[in-house]
Every structure is written in C-alpha cells, then in structure tokens.
Amino acid sequence: MVSGCNVENASYELAICAERTAVVKAVSTGVTDFLSVAIAADLETEFVGPCGMCRQTLAEFNPDMTIYLVRLDGMVQVTNLNILLPGAFSPKRLKLEFHNGNTKVEK
C-alpha cells in the first residue's frame, strides 16, 4: 500500500492531488503495478472521485483499476476506472515495449 496526500499551492493549477502523489511516490520506489486505489474525502454525505488529471494518470498504469470511494461515515462506493474514464488512452493498451513490458513486436 502506498499513501498520498493533497499538496496544495497558492496557484491552484500547481496543486497535486493525493492520487498523483501516491503514484509518483510508488513509481519512485519501483512500484508500477496498481490494482486499486482508495480515495477518501472529508465529506459526510458525498463520495469524491478522482479529478480528470488523476483519472488519466491512473489509466497510464492500469486502465481497468478498481476505485474505492470512501466517506467519513465509513461508507464505501466501488467503481472502476473504465466507468469514470471510458475509452481511456493508455500505454497499457498499446504495444509499447518501453512502457508495458512487451518485448516481442507483433506484425
């Protein structure tokens, strides 16, 4: 398990979400296989999903990832990146040797 947190910035666009923080932290230690992500927010009655930038970042590593959305009251909603970002452009779906371990080029 790899944790992350929001890193806020006075210039909102430069902030980094917890999901991307966790991905960067994991990749920097050599972890690149992600099965799922849990996202918690400090809202009692609403589930908070990943923003568009985080959805694309997650899709780079696993476009079929399970996503657990967690509320303060402990309720969990289970979804999938295919639902939140259908048809995602992902190197995992392409035959790119440098990214997904394909060593044999098919013709």
N, C-alpha and C. Protein backbone atom coordinates (compact mmCIF):
# COMPACT_ATOMS: atom_id res chain seq x y z
N MET A 1 0.85 -1.17 0.00
CA MET A 1 0.00 0.00 0.00
C MET A 1 0.89 1.24 0.00
N VAL A 2 0.52 2.20 -0.81
CA VAL A 2 1.23 3.47 -0.90
C VAL A 2 0.23 4.58 -0.60
N SER A 3 0.58 5.46 0.32
CA SER A 3 -0.34 6.55 0.66
C SER A 3 0.05 7.82 -0.07
N GLY A 4 -0.89 8.73 -0.15
CA GLY A 4 -0.65 10.03 -0.75
C GLY A 4 -1.49 11.07 -0.05
N CYS A 5 -1.19 12.33 -0.30
CA CYS A 5 -1.97 13.42 0.27
C CYS A 5 -2.01 14.56 -0.74
N ASN A 6 -2.99 15.42 -0.59
CA ASN A 6 -3.05 16.62 -1.42
C ASN A 6 -1.91 17.54 -1.01
N VAL A 7 -1.25 18.14 -1.99
CA VAL A 7 -0.24 19.15 -1.73
C VAL A 7 -0.75 20.42 -2.39
N GLU A 8 -1.31 21.29 -1.57
CA GLU A 8 -1.95 22.50 -2.08
C GLU A 8 -0.91 23.55 -2.45
N ASN A 9 -1.31 24.48 -3.31
CA ASN A 9 -0.44 25.54 -3.78
C ASN A 9 -1.30 26.78 -3.97
N ALA A 10 -0.74 27.95 -3.70
CA ALA A 10 -1.48 29.20 -3.87
C ALA A 10 -1.98 29.35 -5.31
N SER A 11 -1.21 28.84 -6.25
CA SER A 11 -1.63 28.79 -7.65
C SER A 11 -2.31 27.44 -7.83
N TYR A 12 -3.64 27.43 -7.84
CA TYR A 12 -4.41 26.19 -7.78
C TYR A 12 -3.96 25.13 -8.77
N GLU A 13 -3.59 25.55 -9.98
CA GLU A 13 -3.19 24.58 -11.00
C GLU A 13 -1.92 23.83 -10.64
N LEU A 14 -1.12 24.35 -9.75
CA LEU A 14 0.13 23.69 -9.35
C LEU A 14 -0.05 22.73 -8.18
N ALA A 15 -1.26 22.65 -7.64
CA ALA A 15 -1.54 21.69 -6.57
C ALA A 15 -1.45 20.29 -7.14
N ILE A 16 -1.16 19.31 -6.28
CA ILE A 16 -1.12 17.92 -6.72
C ILE A 16 -2.05 17.12 -5.82
N CYS A 17 -2.90 16.34 -6.44
CA CYS A 17 -3.89 15.55 -5.71
C CYS A 17 -3.21 14.35 -5.03
N ALA A 18 -3.89 13.80 -4.05
CA ALA A 18 -3.37 12.65 -3.31
C ALA A 18 -3.13 11.46 -4.21
N GLU A 19 -4.00 11.26 -5.21
CA GLU A 19 -3.84 10.12 -6.10
C GLU A 19 -2.52 10.21 -6.87
N ARG A 20 -2.23 11.39 -7.41
CA ARG A 20 -0.98 11.56 -8.16
C ARG A 20 0.22 11.53 -7.24
N THR A 21 0.08 12.05 -6.02
CA THR A 21 1.17 11.97 -5.05
C THR A 21 1.51 10.51 -4.78
N ALA A 22 0.50 9.67 -4.59
CA ALA A 22 0.74 8.25 -4.33
C ALA A 22 1.38 7.55 -5.53
N VAL A 23 0.92 7.89 -6.74
CA VAL A 23 1.50 7.28 -7.93
C VAL A 23 2.98 7.66 -8.06
N VAL A 24 3.29 8.93 -7.91
CA VAL A 24 4.68 9.38 -8.02
C VAL A 24 5.54 8.72 -6.94
N LYS A 25 5.02 8.64 -5.74
CA LYS A 25 5.75 8.01 -4.64
C LYS A 25 6.01 6.53 -4.96
N ALA A 26 5.00 5.84 -5.46
CA ALA A 26 5.15 4.43 -5.79
C ALA A 26 6.17 4.22 -6.91
N VAL A 27 6.03 4.99 -7.98
CA VAL A 27 6.93 4.84 -9.13
C VAL A 27 8.37 5.14 -8.72
N SER A 28 8.56 6.12 -7.84
CA SER A 28 9.92 6.48 -7.42
C SER A 28 10.59 5.36 -6.62
N THR A 29 9.79 4.42 -6.11
CA THR A 29 10.35 3.27 -5.39
C THR A 29 10.33 2.00 -6.22
N GLY A 30 9.94 2.13 -7.49
CA GLY A 30 9.94 0.98 -8.39
C GLY A 30 8.62 0.24 -8.52
N VAL A 31 7.59 0.70 -7.84
CA VAL A 31 6.27 0.06 -7.92
C VAL A 31 5.50 0.67 -9.10
N THR A 32 5.12 -0.18 -10.05
CA THR A 32 4.38 0.33 -11.22
C THR A 32 3.14 -0.50 -11.52
N ASP A 33 2.85 -1.51 -10.73
CA ASP A 33 1.64 -2.31 -10.91
C ASP A 33 0.62 -1.90 -9.87
N PHE A 34 -0.48 -1.33 -10.33
CA PHE A 34 -1.52 -0.86 -9.42
C PHE A 34 -2.80 -1.65 -9.68
N LEU A 35 -3.36 -2.23 -8.64
CA LEU A 35 -4.60 -2.99 -8.75
C LEU A 35 -5.82 -2.13 -8.42
N SER A 36 -5.67 -1.26 -7.42
CA SER A 36 -6.80 -0.45 -6.98
C SER A 36 -6.30 0.80 -6.28
N VAL A 37 -7.24 1.70 -6.06
CA VAL A 37 -6.96 2.93 -5.31
C VAL A 37 -8.17 3.22 -4.43
N ALA A 38 -7.91 3.71 -3.23
CA ALA A 38 -8.97 4.15 -2.33
C ALA A 38 -8.84 5.66 -2.18
N ILE A 39 -9.97 6.35 -2.32
CA ILE A 39 -9.97 7.80 -2.25
C ILE A 39 -10.94 8.23 -1.16
N ALA A 40 -10.43 8.97 -0.19
CA ALA A 40 -11.26 9.45 0.92
C ALA A 40 -11.25 10.97 0.92
N ALA A 41 -12.38 11.54 1.27
CA ALA A 41 -12.51 12.99 1.39
C ALA A 41 -13.26 13.31 2.68
N ASP A 42 -13.18 14.55 3.10
CA ASP A 42 -13.81 14.92 4.37
C ASP A 42 -15.25 15.39 4.19
N LEU A 43 -16.02 14.62 3.42
CA LEU A 43 -17.44 14.90 3.23
C LEU A 43 -18.24 13.76 3.85
N GLU A 44 -19.33 14.11 4.52
CA GLU A 44 -20.12 13.09 5.20
C GLU A 44 -21.14 12.41 4.31
N THR A 45 -21.67 13.11 3.31
CA THR A 45 -22.77 12.54 2.54
C THR A 45 -22.46 12.36 1.06
N GLU A 46 -21.29 12.74 0.62
CA GLU A 46 -20.93 12.65 -0.79
C GLU A 46 -19.68 11.80 -0.97
N PHE A 47 -19.63 11.07 -2.07
CA PHE A 47 -18.42 10.36 -2.46
C PHE A 47 -17.64 11.27 -3.40
N VAL A 48 -16.32 11.27 -3.28
CA VAL A 48 -15.47 12.11 -4.12
C VAL A 48 -14.58 11.23 -4.97
N GLY A 49 -14.73 11.35 -6.28
CA GLY A 49 -13.90 10.58 -7.20
C GLY A 49 -12.68 11.37 -7.62
N PRO A 50 -11.79 10.73 -8.36
CA PRO A 50 -10.58 11.41 -8.81
C PRO A 50 -10.90 12.46 -9.89
N CYS A 51 -10.11 13.51 -9.92
CA CYS A 51 -10.28 14.53 -10.95
C CYS A 51 -9.83 13.95 -12.30
N GLY A 52 -10.06 14.67 -13.36
CA GLY A 52 -9.70 14.20 -14.70
C GLY A 52 -8.22 13.92 -14.86
N MET A 53 -7.38 14.79 -14.32
CA MET A 53 -5.94 14.59 -14.43
C MET A 53 -5.52 13.32 -13.70
N CYS A 54 -6.10 13.07 -12.54
CA CYS A 54 -5.78 11.85 -11.79
C CYS A 54 -6.31 10.62 -12.51
N ARG A 55 -7.47 10.71 -13.11
CA ARG A 55 -8.02 9.58 -13.87
C ARG A 55 -7.06 9.18 -14.98
N GLN A 56 -6.55 10.16 -15.72
CA GLN A 56 -5.62 9.85 -16.80
C GLN A 56 -4.30 9.29 -16.25
N THR A 57 -3.82 9.84 -15.15
CA THR A 57 -2.58 9.35 -14.54
C THR A 57 -2.74 7.89 -14.13
N LEU A 58 -3.86 7.56 -13.50
CA LEU A 58 -4.11 6.18 -13.09
C LEU A 58 -4.22 5.27 -14.30
N ALA A 59 -4.86 5.75 -15.36
CA ALA A 59 -5.04 4.95 -16.58
C ALA A 59 -3.71 4.61 -17.24
N GLU A 60 -2.70 5.43 -17.04
CA GLU A 60 -1.38 5.15 -17.59
C GLU A 60 -0.84 3.83 -17.04
N PHE A 61 -1.23 3.48 -15.83
CA PHE A 61 -0.70 2.28 -15.18
C PHE A 61 -1.67 1.11 -15.16
N ASN A 62 -2.99 1.41 -15.11
CA ASN A 62 -3.98 0.34 -15.13
C ASN A 62 -5.34 0.92 -15.50
N PRO A 63 -5.70 0.88 -16.78
CA PRO A 63 -6.97 1.45 -17.19
C PRO A 63 -8.19 0.67 -16.68
N ASP A 64 -7.97 -0.48 -16.08
CA ASP A 64 -9.06 -1.31 -15.53
C ASP A 64 -9.09 -1.27 -14.00
N MET A 65 -8.44 -0.30 -13.41
CA MET A 65 -8.28 -0.23 -11.97
C MET A 65 -9.60 -0.11 -11.21
N THR A 66 -9.71 -0.84 -10.11
CA THR A 66 -10.85 -0.72 -9.20
C THR A 66 -10.61 0.51 -8.34
N ILE A 67 -11.68 1.28 -8.11
CA ILE A 67 -11.58 2.50 -7.31
C ILE A 67 -12.59 2.43 -6.16
N TYR A 68 -12.09 2.60 -4.94
CA TYR A 68 -12.92 2.61 -3.74
C TYR A 68 -13.05 4.05 -3.28
N LEU A 69 -14.28 4.55 -3.27
CA LEU A 69 -14.56 5.91 -2.80
C LEU A 69 -15.10 5.81 -1.39
N VAL A 70 -14.47 6.50 -0.45
CA VAL A 70 -14.76 6.34 0.98
C VAL A 70 -15.23 7.66 1.57
N ARG A 71 -16.36 7.60 2.29
CA ARG A 71 -16.87 8.78 3.00
C ARG A 71 -16.41 8.75 4.45
N LEU A 72 -16.61 9.88 5.14
CA LEU A 72 -16.24 9.97 6.55
C LEU A 72 -17.00 8.98 7.43
N ASP A 73 -18.23 8.66 7.04
CA ASP A 73 -19.02 7.73 7.86
C ASP A 73 -18.64 6.27 7.62
N GLY A 74 -17.62 6.04 6.78
CA GLY A 74 -17.16 4.68 6.53
C GLY A 74 -17.83 3.99 5.36
N MET A 75 -18.84 4.60 4.78
CA MET A 75 -19.50 4.02 3.61
C MET A 75 -18.53 4.02 2.43
N VAL A 76 -18.58 2.94 1.64
CA VAL A 76 -17.68 2.79 0.51
C VAL A 76 -18.49 2.55 -0.76
N GLN A 77 -18.13 3.25 -1.81
CA GLN A 77 -18.71 3.02 -3.13
C GLN A 77 -17.59 2.47 -4.01
N VAL A 78 -17.85 1.35 -4.66
CA VAL A 78 -16.85 0.72 -5.52
C VAL A 78 -17.19 1.03 -6.97
N THR A 79 -16.20 1.50 -7.69
CA THR A 79 -16.36 1.79 -9.11
C THR A 79 -15.11 1.32 -9.84
N ASN A 80 -14.98 1.70 -11.07
CA ASN A 80 -13.88 1.22 -11.89
C ASN A 80 -13.43 2.36 -12.79
N LEU A 81 -12.16 2.39 -13.12
CA LEU A 81 -11.65 3.45 -13.98
C LEU A 81 -12.30 3.41 -15.35
N ASN A 82 -12.71 2.23 -15.82
CA ASN A 82 -13.42 2.15 -17.11
C ASN A 82 -14.75 2.90 -17.08
N ILE A 83 -15.36 2.99 -15.92
CA ILE A 83 -16.62 3.72 -15.77
C ILE A 83 -16.34 5.22 -15.69
N LEU A 84 -15.32 5.59 -14.94
CA LEU A 84 -15.02 7.00 -14.73
C LEU A 84 -14.27 7.64 -15.90
N LEU A 85 -13.56 6.82 -16.69
CA LEU A 85 -12.82 7.33 -17.84
C LEU A 85 -12.91 6.30 -18.97
N PRO A 86 -14.11 6.18 -19.55
CA PRO A 86 -14.30 5.17 -20.60
C PRO A 86 -13.43 5.44 -21.83
N GLY A 87 -12.90 4.38 -22.40
CA GLY A 87 -12.09 4.52 -23.60
C GLY A 87 -10.79 5.26 -23.37
N ALA A 88 -10.27 5.18 -22.16
CA ALA A 88 -9.05 5.92 -21.81
C ALA A 88 -7.89 5.58 -22.74
N PHE A 89 -7.15 6.60 -23.12
CA PHE A 89 -5.91 6.40 -23.86
C PHE A 89 -4.87 5.96 -22.84
N SER A 90 -4.34 4.77 -23.01
CA SER A 90 -3.39 4.24 -22.04
C SER A 90 -2.30 3.43 -22.74
N PRO A 91 -1.06 3.69 -22.40
CA PRO A 91 0.03 2.89 -22.96
C PRO A 91 -0.12 1.40 -22.64
N LYS A 92 -0.84 1.07 -21.58
CA LYS A 92 -1.07 -0.34 -21.23
C LYS A 92 -1.90 -1.05 -22.29
N ARG A 93 -2.64 -0.30 -23.08
CA ARG A 93 -3.46 -0.88 -24.14
C ARG A 93 -2.75 -0.84 -25.50
N LEU A 94 -1.57 -0.26 -25.51
CA LEU A 94 -0.78 -0.17 -26.73
C LEU A 94 0.40 -1.13 -26.63
N LYS A 95 0.97 -1.47 -27.73
CA LYS A 95 2.11 -2.37 -27.72
C LYS A 95 3.40 -1.55 -27.69
N LEU A 96 3.67 -0.95 -26.55
CA LEU A 96 4.85 -0.12 -26.37
C LEU A 96 5.83 -0.83 -25.44
N GLU A 97 6.90 -1.34 -25.98
CA GLU A 97 7.86 -2.11 -25.20
C GLU A 97 8.39 -1.33 -24.01
N PHE A 98 8.69 -0.06 -24.21
CA PHE A 98 9.31 0.73 -23.16
C PHE A 98 8.39 0.97 -21.98
N HIS A 99 7.09 0.80 -22.15
CA HIS A 99 6.17 1.14 -21.06
C HIS A 99 5.56 -0.08 -20.39
N ASN A 100 5.09 -1.05 -21.16
CA ASN A 100 4.32 -2.11 -20.54
C ASN A 100 4.97 -3.48 -20.59
N GLY A 101 6.23 -3.54 -20.89
CA GLY A 101 6.94 -4.81 -20.82
C GLY A 101 6.81 -5.70 -22.03
N ASN A 102 6.15 -5.24 -23.08
CA ASN A 102 6.08 -6.05 -24.30
C ASN A 102 7.48 -6.13 -24.90
N THR A 103 8.00 -7.30 -25.03
CA THR A 103 9.34 -7.44 -25.58
C THR A 103 9.33 -7.97 -27.00
N LYS A 104 8.19 -8.45 -27.44
CA LYS A 104 8.06 -9.00 -28.78
C LYS A 104 7.15 -8.09 -29.60
N VAL A 105 7.68 -7.61 -30.70
CA VAL A 105 6.90 -6.74 -31.57
C VAL A 105 6.10 -7.63 -32.53
N GLU A 106 4.77 -7.46 -32.48
CA GLU A 106 3.91 -8.24 -33.38
C GLU A 106 3.68 -7.47 -34.66
N LYS A 107 3.65 -8.21 -35.77
CA LYS A 107 3.42 -7.57 -37.06
C LYS A 107 2.10 -7.98 -37.62
